[in-house]
């Protein structure tokens, strides 16, 4: 988060890790040997808040990466359930609906990303023309 000698201390970095790995603020405070009041005060500091939010985003990014890793197995499981002759019809319908729903969301997401990229290219192009 910060280098040696920076204002953001090692204790605060430990507190951020504790906030991400414990269930409550009180547990996090105990883990780093500060009072809960101190930890709550730190959370109101802009620098601490920004570092904490960045750490949460990084942790969430890891969770998303795990979802990507597991998604192939999840689709295989849905497919097996849907195609299994012994699966009750209502469960087959739910599996099929889930597959279709997730496929539609993926297509929509790809479309939005493509349109956003096109808009960004157009904005860069028009911004470059204005500065000439």
C-alpha atoms as a PDB file:
ATOM      1  CA  UNK A   1       0.000   0.000   0.000  1.00  0.00           C
ATOM      2  CA  UNK A   2       2.728   2.439   0.927  1.00  0.00           C
ATOM      3  CA  UNK A   3       6.468   2.403   1.197  1.00  0.00           C
ATOM      4  CA  UNK A   4       8.816   2.635   4.155  1.00  0.00           C
ATOM      5  CA  UNK A   5       8.564   5.930   5.984  1.00  0.00           C
ATOM      6  CA  UNK A   6       5.162   6.828   4.585  1.00  0.00           C
ATOM      7  CA  UNK A   7       2.428   8.231   6.828  1.00  0.00           C
ATOM      8  CA  UNK A   8       0.218   5.166   6.306  1.00  0.00           C
ATOM      9  CA  UNK A   9       1.524   2.809   8.970  1.00  0.00           C
ATOM     10  CA  UNK A  10       2.047  -0.913   9.163  1.00  0.00           C
ATOM     11  CA  UNK A  11      -0.618  -1.146  11.882  1.00  0.00           C
ATOM     12  CA  UNK A  12      -3.208   0.361   9.550  1.00  0.00           C
ATOM     13  CA  UNK A  13      -2.242  -2.069   6.799  1.00  0.00           C
ATOM     14  CA  UNK A  14      -2.699  -4.920   9.281  1.00  0.00           C
ATOM     15  CA  UNK A  15      -6.070  -3.451  10.243  1.00  0.00           C
ATOM     16  CA  UNK A  16      -7.216  -3.522   6.623  1.00  0.00           C
ATOM     17  CA  UNK A  17      -6.236  -7.171   6.340  1.00  0.00           C
ATOM     18  CA  UNK A  18      -8.052  -7.881   9.597  1.00  0.00           C
ATOM     19  CA  UNK A  19     -11.179  -6.088   8.378  1.00  0.00           C
ATOM     20  CA  UNK A  20     -11.156  -8.320   5.304  1.00  0.00           C
ATOM     21  CA  UNK A  21     -10.592 -11.555   7.222  1.00  0.00           C
ATOM     22  CA  UNK A  22     -12.698 -11.213  10.359  1.00  0.00           C
ATOM     23  CA  UNK A  23     -16.448 -11.059  10.859  1.00  0.00           C
ATOM     24  CA  UNK A  24     -16.719  -7.794  12.780  1.00  0.00           C
ATOM     25  CA  UNK A  25     -14.900  -4.524  13.347  1.00  0.00           C
ATOM     26  CA  UNK A  26     -14.415  -5.539  16.979  1.00  0.00           C
ATOM     27  CA  UNK A  27     -12.695  -8.786  15.931  1.00  0.00           C
ATOM     28  CA  UNK A  28     -10.510  -6.883  13.483  1.00  0.00           C
ATOM     29  CA  UNK A  29      -9.516  -4.398  16.187  1.00  0.00           C
ATOM     30  CA  UNK A  30      -8.596  -7.208  18.584  1.00  0.00           C
ATOM     31  CA  UNK A  31      -6.558  -8.920  15.854  1.00  0.00           C
ATOM     32  CA  UNK A  32      -4.308  -5.863  15.498  1.00  0.00           C
ATOM     33  CA  UNK A  33      -4.346  -4.837  19.171  1.00  0.00           C
ATOM     34  CA  UNK A  34      -6.174  -1.527  18.800  1.00  0.00           C
ATOM     35  CA  UNK A  35      -9.495  -0.451  20.234  1.00  0.00           C
ATOM     36  CA  UNK A  36     -12.635  -0.718  18.144  1.00  0.00           C
ATOM     37  CA  UNK A  37     -13.012   3.044  18.580  1.00  0.00           C
ATOM     38  CA  UNK A  38      -9.575   3.595  17.021  1.00  0.00           C
ATOM     39  CA  UNK A  39     -10.383   1.324  14.103  1.00  0.00           C
ATOM     40  CA  UNK A  40     -13.688   3.110  13.508  1.00  0.00           C
ATOM     41  CA  UNK A  41     -11.841   6.457  13.588  1.00  0.00           C
ATOM     42  CA  UNK A  42      -9.301   5.149  11.057  1.00  0.00           C
ATOM     43  CA  UNK A  43     -12.122   4.072   8.779  1.00  0.00           C
ATOM     44  CA  UNK A  44     -13.255   7.703   8.599  1.00  0.00           C
ATOM     45  CA  UNK A  45      -9.830   8.881   7.400  1.00  0.00           C
ATOM     46  CA  UNK A  46      -9.822   9.398   3.603  1.00  0.00           C
ATOM     47  CA  UNK A  47      -6.441   7.684   3.108  1.00  0.00           C
ATOM     48  CA  UNK A  48      -7.463   4.625   5.166  1.00  0.00           C
ATOM     49  CA  UNK A  49     -10.874   4.499   3.502  1.00  0.00           C
ATOM     50  CA  UNK A  50      -9.304   4.598   0.032  1.00  0.00           C
ATOM     51  CA  UNK A  51      -6.817   1.856   0.905  1.00  0.00           C
ATOM     52  CA  UNK A  52      -9.568  -0.269   2.466  1.00  0.00           C
ATOM     53  CA  UNK A  53     -11.810   0.145  -0.595  1.00  0.00           C
ATOM     54  CA  UNK A  54      -8.895  -0.791  -2.875  1.00  0.00           C
ATOM     55  CA  UNK A  55      -8.215  -3.891  -0.779  1.00  0.00           C
ATOM     56  CA  UNK A  56     -11.903  -4.866  -0.909  1.00  0.00           C
ATOM     57  CA  UNK A  57     -11.889  -4.471  -4.695  1.00  0.00           C
ATOM     58  CA  UNK A  58      -8.792  -6.658  -4.955  1.00  0.00           C
ATOM     59  CA  UNK A  59     -10.354  -9.320  -2.721  1.00  0.00           C
ATOM     60  CA  UNK A  60     -13.566  -9.177  -4.736  1.00  0.00           C
ATOM     61  CA  UNK A  61     -11.533  -9.517  -7.915  1.00  0.00           C
ATOM     62  CA  UNK A  62     -10.073 -12.743  -6.557  1.00  0.00           C
ATOM     63  CA  UNK A  63     -13.592 -14.007  -5.873  1.00  0.00           C
ATOM     64  CA  UNK A  64     -14.622 -13.191  -9.431  1.00  0.00           C
ATOM     65  CA  UNK A  65     -11.561 -15.041 -10.731  1.00  0.00           C
ATOM     66  CA  UNK A  66     -12.627 -18.102  -8.712  1.00  0.00           C
ATOM     67  CA  UNK A  67     -16.111 -17.860 -10.221  1.00  0.00           C
ATOM     68  CA  UNK A  68     -14.590 -17.837 -13.695  1.00  0.00           C
ATOM     69  CA  UNK A  69     -12.522 -20.887 -12.784  1.00  0.00           C
ATOM     70  CA  UNK A  70     -15.581 -22.750 -11.478  1.00  0.00           C
ATOM     71  CA  UNK A  71     -17.994 -21.649 -14.201  1.00  0.00           C
ATOM     72  CA  UNK A  72     -17.056 -24.415 -16.622  1.00  0.00           C
ATOM     73  CA  UNK A  73     -17.774 -27.081 -14.000  1.00  0.00           C
ATOM     74  CA  UNK A  74     -21.026 -25.315 -13.103  1.00  0.00           C
ATOM     75  CA  UNK A  75     -22.201 -25.353 -16.714  1.00  0.00           C
ATOM     76  CA  UNK A  76     -21.249 -29.021 -16.991  1.00  0.00           C
ATOM     77  CA  UNK A  77     -23.252 -29.776 -13.854  1.00  0.00           C
ATOM     78  CA  UNK A  78     -26.291 -27.925 -15.190  1.00  0.00           C
ATOM     79  CA  UNK A  79     -25.955 -29.752 -18.504  1.00  0.00           C
ATOM     80  CA  UNK A  80     -25.720 -33.159 -16.824  1.00  0.00           C
ATOM     81  CA  UNK A  81     -28.768 -32.438 -14.664  1.00  0.00           C
ATOM     82  CA  UNK A  82     -30.714 -31.200 -17.671  1.00  0.00           C
ATOM     83  CA  UNK A  83     -29.827 -34.230 -19.828  1.00  0.00           C
ATOM     84  CA  UNK A  84     -30.075 -36.933 -17.155  1.00  0.00           C
ATOM     85  CA  UNK A  85     -33.079 -39.174 -17.850  1.00  0.00           C
ATOM     86  CA  UNK A  86     -33.657 -39.674 -14.116  1.00  0.00           C
ATOM     87  CA  UNK A  87     -33.834 -35.960 -13.327  1.00  0.00           C
ATOM     88  CA  UNK A  88     -37.352 -34.780 -12.460  1.00  0.00           C
ATOM     89  CA  UNK A  89     -38.881 -32.616 -15.211  1.00  0.00           C
ATOM     90  CA  UNK A  90     -39.156 -29.520 -12.980  1.00  0.00           C
ATOM     91  CA  UNK A  91     -35.439 -29.722 -12.187  1.00  0.00           C
ATOM     92  CA  UNK A  92     -34.590 -30.135 -15.877  1.00  0.00           C
ATOM     93  CA  UNK A  93     -36.627 -27.024 -16.662  1.00  0.00           C
ATOM     94  CA  UNK A  94     -34.838 -25.054 -13.923  1.00  0.00           C
ATOM     95  CA  UNK A  95     -31.432 -26.182 -15.239  1.00  0.00           C
ATOM     96  CA  UNK A  96     -32.374 -25.308 -18.821  1.00  0.00           C
ATOM     97  CA  UNK A  97     -33.770 -21.931 -17.746  1.00  0.00           C
ATOM     98  CA  UNK A  98     -30.599 -21.215 -15.785  1.00  0.00           C
ATOM     99  CA  UNK A  99     -28.413 -22.034 -18.784  1.00  0.00           C
ATOM    100  CA  UNK A 100     -30.490 -19.816 -21.076  1.00  0.00           C
ATOM    101  CA  UNK A 101     -30.601 -16.978 -18.539  1.00  0.00           C
ATOM    102  CA  UNK A 102     -26.841 -16.987 -17.999  1.00  0.00           C
ATOM    103  CA  UNK A 103     -26.208 -17.226 -21.738  1.00  0.00           C
ATOM    104  CA  UNK A 104     -28.421 -14.200 -22.356  1.00  0.00           C
ATOM    105  CA  UNK A 105     -26.654 -12.218 -19.620  1.00  0.00           C
ATOM    106  CA  UNK A 106     -23.270 -13.099 -21.118  1.00  0.00           C
ATOM    107  CA  UNK A 107     -24.389 -11.959 -24.580  1.00  0.00           C
ATOM    108  CA  UNK A 108     -25.795  -8.716 -23.168  1.00  0.00           C
ATOM    109  CA  UNK A 109     -22.595  -8.092 -21.235  1.00  0.00           C
ATOM    110  CA  UNK A 110     -20.487  -8.657 -24.352  1.00  0.00           C
ATOM    111  CA  UNK A 111     -22.729  -6.281 -26.302  1.00  0.00           C
ATOM    112  CA  UNK A 112     -22.461  -3.562 -23.646  1.00  0.00           C
ATOM    113  CA  UNK A 113     -18.666  -3.948 -23.531  1.00  0.00           C
ATOM    114  CA  UNK A 114     -18.444  -3.684 -27.329  1.00  0.00           C
ATOM    115  CA  UNK A 115     -20.653  -0.582 -27.400  1.00  0.00           C
ATOM    116  CA  UNK A 116     -18.686   1.012 -24.564  1.00  0.00           C
ATOM    117  CA  UNK A 117     -15.401   0.340 -26.357  1.00  0.00           C
ATOM    118  CA  UNK A 118     -16.823   1.915 -29.538  1.00  0.00           C
ATOM    119  CA  UNK A 119     -17.965   4.977 -27.577  1.00  0.00           C
ATOM    120  CA  UNK A 120     -14.564   5.317 -25.933  1.00  0.00           C
ATOM    121  CA  UNK A 121     -12.836   5.113 -29.323  1.00  0.00           C
ATOM    122  CA  UNK A 122     -15.209   7.732 -30.714  1.00  0.00           C
ATOM    123  CA  UNK A 123     -14.624  10.003 -27.717  1.00  0.00           C
ATOM    124  CA  UNK A 124     -10.850   9.675 -28.087  1.00  0.00           C
ATOM    125  CA  UNK A 125     -11.099  10.408 -31.767  1.00  0.00           C
ATOM    126  CA  UNK A 126     -13.317  13.484 -31.308  1.00  0.00           C
ATOM    127  CA  UNK A 127     -11.216  14.674 -28.365  1.00  0.00           C
ATOM    128  CA  UNK A 128      -8.085  14.440 -30.488  1.00  0.00           C
ATOM    129  CA  UNK A 129      -9.715  16.452 -33.274  1.00  0.00           C
ATOM    130  CA  UNK A 130     -10.729  19.259 -30.891  1.00  0.00           C
ATOM    131  CA  UNK A 131      -7.241  19.733 -29.511  1.00  0.00           C
ATOM    132  CA  UNK A 132      -5.766  20.362 -32.949  1.00  0.00           C
END
